[in-house]
Amino acid sequence: VIHGDFKTANVFLAAGAGGAIDVAPIDFQWVGVGRPALDIQYLLVSSAHLNLLLDPATWDELLQGYLAVLSTATHGRSAGCTLVELKRHVSLAMLEYARTVFGYQLQGKKVGWVTGGAETLGRCAHNRSVAHLLWFIRAVETTLARFEEGSLL
C-alpha cells in the first residue's frame, strides 16, 4: 500500500519523547496498491533541496537508509530488495510521475506560474522553483534515455 501523495506538505513532525521525532502523514485520498518506489521518488523529487537532488551519492545514501529501515521493519523479509533494484524502481517511478507533471500539473502553464508559486507551501518543489523544474526535466530525459537503451528493464 502506498500513500500516493507523499510530500513534505502532507507530513506533520513533532518533538517526541527522549528527542525522538513523531511523524504523522495526512491526506490519504490517493492511497492505493503500488510499489513503495512511487512514494519514495515522489517525496524526494517533490520536496528535497536541489543540492540533494544533484548529488547521486546522497540519493544512494538515502535509498540505502530506506532499505535498512525496511529490513528492520520487516524483520529481514525484504532482503531481496537490493539498492540496484530499488534505484531501478525509483527511476521507473520518475517516468510515471512525469506523466502527472507534464500532462496535468504544468499543462498550459508558463514560467510565471512556477515563479509566482515560490512561497506556496502545498506545491511540489518543481512547481515553485525553475531550478527544480529544470532538474526534473533533465532527470526525466536521462531516465528516458536509459529506458530506451534497455538498462531499466
Protein backbone atom coordinates (compact mmCIF):
# COMPACT_ATOMS: atom_id res chain seq x y z
CA VAL A 1 0.00 0.00 0.00
CA ILE A 2 1.31 3.44 -0.89
CA HIS A 3 0.27 6.93 0.21
CA GLY A 4 0.10 8.35 -3.32
CA ASP A 5 0.79 11.99 -2.37
CA PHE A 6 3.75 11.61 -0.03
CA LYS A 7 5.36 15.06 0.04
CA THR A 8 6.51 17.22 2.94
CA ALA A 9 3.27 19.22 2.87
CA ASN A 10 1.46 16.00 3.83
CA VAL A 11 3.70 15.02 6.75
CA PHE A 12 3.48 16.52 10.24
CA LEU A 13 6.50 16.32 12.52
CA ALA A 14 6.55 16.86 16.27
CA ALA A 15 9.12 16.53 19.03
CA GLY A 16 8.57 13.23 20.77
CA ALA A 17 9.80 11.71 23.99
CA GLY A 18 13.54 11.46 24.52
CA GLY A 19 14.44 13.57 21.49
CA ALA A 20 12.59 11.31 19.05
CA ILE A 21 10.60 12.80 16.21
CA ASP A 22 6.98 11.75 15.87
CA VAL A 23 5.82 11.54 12.24
CA ALA A 24 2.18 11.70 11.15
CA PRO A 25 1.30 11.53 7.45
CA ILE A 26 -2.00 13.16 6.40
CA ASP A 27 -4.14 13.42 3.25
CA PHE A 28 -4.85 9.84 2.29
CA GLN A 29 -7.09 10.47 -0.72
CA TRP A 30 -4.62 8.79 -3.15
CA VAL A 31 -3.85 5.66 -1.08
CA GLY A 32 -3.70 2.52 -3.16
CA VAL A 33 -1.73 -0.51 -4.14
CA GLY A 34 1.63 0.18 -5.73
CA ARG A 35 5.37 -0.07 -5.42
CA PRO A 36 6.90 1.84 -2.50
CA ALA A 37 9.34 3.38 -5.01
CA LEU A 38 6.46 5.59 -6.18
CA ASP A 39 6.21 7.26 -2.77
CA ILE A 40 9.99 7.40 -2.30
CA GLN A 41 10.54 9.03 -5.67
CA TYR A 42 7.66 11.46 -5.17
CA LEU A 43 8.90 12.54 -1.74
CA LEU A 44 12.43 13.17 -2.99
CA VAL A 45 11.50 14.83 -6.30
CA SER A 46 8.70 16.95 -4.90
CA SER A 47 10.27 18.03 -1.63
CA ALA A 48 14.05 17.65 -1.49
CA HIS A 49 16.51 20.53 -1.61
CA LEU A 50 18.07 20.93 -5.05
CA ASN A 51 21.58 20.18 -3.72
CA LEU A 52 20.40 16.74 -2.62
CA LEU A 53 18.80 16.05 -5.99
CA LEU A 54 22.01 16.97 -7.81
CA ASP A 55 24.15 14.52 -5.80
CA PRO A 56 23.79 10.84 -6.83
CA ALA A 57 25.79 9.73 -3.77
CA THR A 58 23.22 11.35 -1.49
CA TRP A 59 20.40 9.58 -3.36
CA ASP A 60 22.22 6.28 -2.80
CA GLU A 61 22.70 7.07 0.89
CA LEU A 62 19.00 7.89 1.36
CA LEU A 63 17.85 4.81 -0.54
CA GLN A 64 20.29 2.62 1.41
CA GLY A 65 18.86 4.10 4.63
CA TYR A 66 15.35 3.28 3.41
CA LEU A 67 16.39 -0.32 2.75
CA ALA A 68 17.92 -0.61 6.23
CA VAL A 69 14.74 0.66 7.90
CA LEU A 70 12.62 -1.58 5.66
CA SER A 71 14.70 -4.61 6.61
CA THR A 72 14.30 -3.83 10.31
CA ALA A 73 10.56 -3.20 10.00
CA THR A 74 10.00 -6.45 8.08
CA HIS A 75 12.38 -8.49 10.27
CA GLY A 76 14.61 -9.17 7.27
CA ARG A 77 11.86 -10.35 4.92
CA SER A 78 12.72 -7.54 2.49
CA ALA A 79 16.28 -8.77 1.97
CA GLY A 80 15.57 -9.50 -1.71
CA CYS A 81 15.33 -5.79 -2.50
CA THR A 82 18.81 -4.50 -3.36
CA LEU A 83 19.95 -0.92 -3.83
CA VAL A 84 20.29 -1.57 -7.58
CA GLU A 85 16.73 -2.88 -7.77
CA LEU A 86 15.32 -0.03 -5.68
CA LYS A 87 17.14 2.55 -7.83
CA ARG A 88 15.63 0.93 -10.95
CA HIS A 89 12.13 1.10 -9.46
CA VAL A 90 12.64 4.72 -8.37
CA SER A 91 13.78 5.61 -11.91
CA LEU A 92 10.72 3.96 -13.44
CA ALA A 93 8.54 5.72 -10.86
CA MET A 94 10.01 9.03 -12.05
CA LEU A 95 8.75 8.29 -15.56
CA GLU A 96 5.31 7.52 -14.14
CA TYR A 97 5.31 10.77 -12.18
CA ALA A 98 6.44 12.73 -15.26
CA ARG A 99 3.06 11.93 -16.84
CA THR A 100 1.37 13.78 -13.98
CA VAL A 101 3.75 16.74 -14.00
CA PHE A 102 3.77 17.35 -17.75
CA GLY A 103 0.27 16.14 -18.57
CA TYR A 104 -1.60 17.74 -15.68
CA GLN A 105 0.30 19.99 -13.27
CA LEU A 106 2.13 22.08 -15.87
CA GLN A 107 -0.28 21.80 -18.77
CA GLY A 108 -0.87 25.28 -20.20
CA LYS A 109 1.28 26.92 -17.52
CA LYS A 110 4.00 29.48 -18.22
CA VAL A 111 7.20 30.03 -16.25
CA GLY A 112 5.49 32.85 -14.30
CA TRP A 113 3.15 30.29 -12.74
CA VAL A 114 6.17 28.44 -11.33
CA THR A 115 7.97 31.55 -10.07
CA GLY A 116 4.73 33.03 -8.75
CA GLY A 117 4.19 29.99 -6.55
CA ALA A 118 7.60 30.12 -4.91
CA GLU A 119 6.07 30.72 -1.46
CA THR A 120 3.15 28.30 -1.90
CA LEU A 121 3.67 25.60 0.74
CA GLY A 122 1.44 22.92 -0.82
CA ARG A 123 3.16 22.94 -4.21
CA CYS A 124 5.89 20.49 -5.11
CA ALA A 125 9.38 21.96 -5.44
CA HIS A 126 9.33 21.67 -9.24
CA ASN A 127 6.11 23.71 -9.29
CA ARG A 128 7.69 26.51 -7.19
CA SER A 129 11.26 26.67 -8.48
CA VAL A 130 12.51 26.94 -12.06
CA ALA A 131 15.82 25.35 -11.00
CA HIS A 132 13.95 22.32 -9.57
CA LEU A 133 11.80 22.10 -12.70
CA LEU A 134 14.85 22.19 -14.97
CA TRP A 135 16.47 19.47 -12.85
CA PHE A 136 13.32 17.37 -13.17
CA ILE A 137 13.17 17.81 -16.96
CA ARG A 138 16.83 16.77 -17.28
CA ALA A 139 16.34 13.81 -14.93
CA VAL A 140 13.35 12.59 -16.93
CA GLU A 141 15.31 13.00 -20.16
CA THR A 142 18.21 10.98 -18.74
CA THR A 143 15.86 8.31 -17.39
CA LEU A 144 14.07 8.02 -20.74
CA ALA A 145 17.43 7.55 -22.48
CA ARG A 146 18.29 4.75 -20.03
CA PHE A 147 14.88 3.19 -20.64
CA GLU A 148 15.31 3.35 -24.42
CA GLU A 149 18.74 1.70 -24.22
CA GLY A 150 17.23 -1.08 -22.11
CA SER A 151 19.16 -0.50 -18.90
CA LEU A 152 15.98 -0.03 -16.83
CA LEU A 153 14.25 -3.19 -17.99
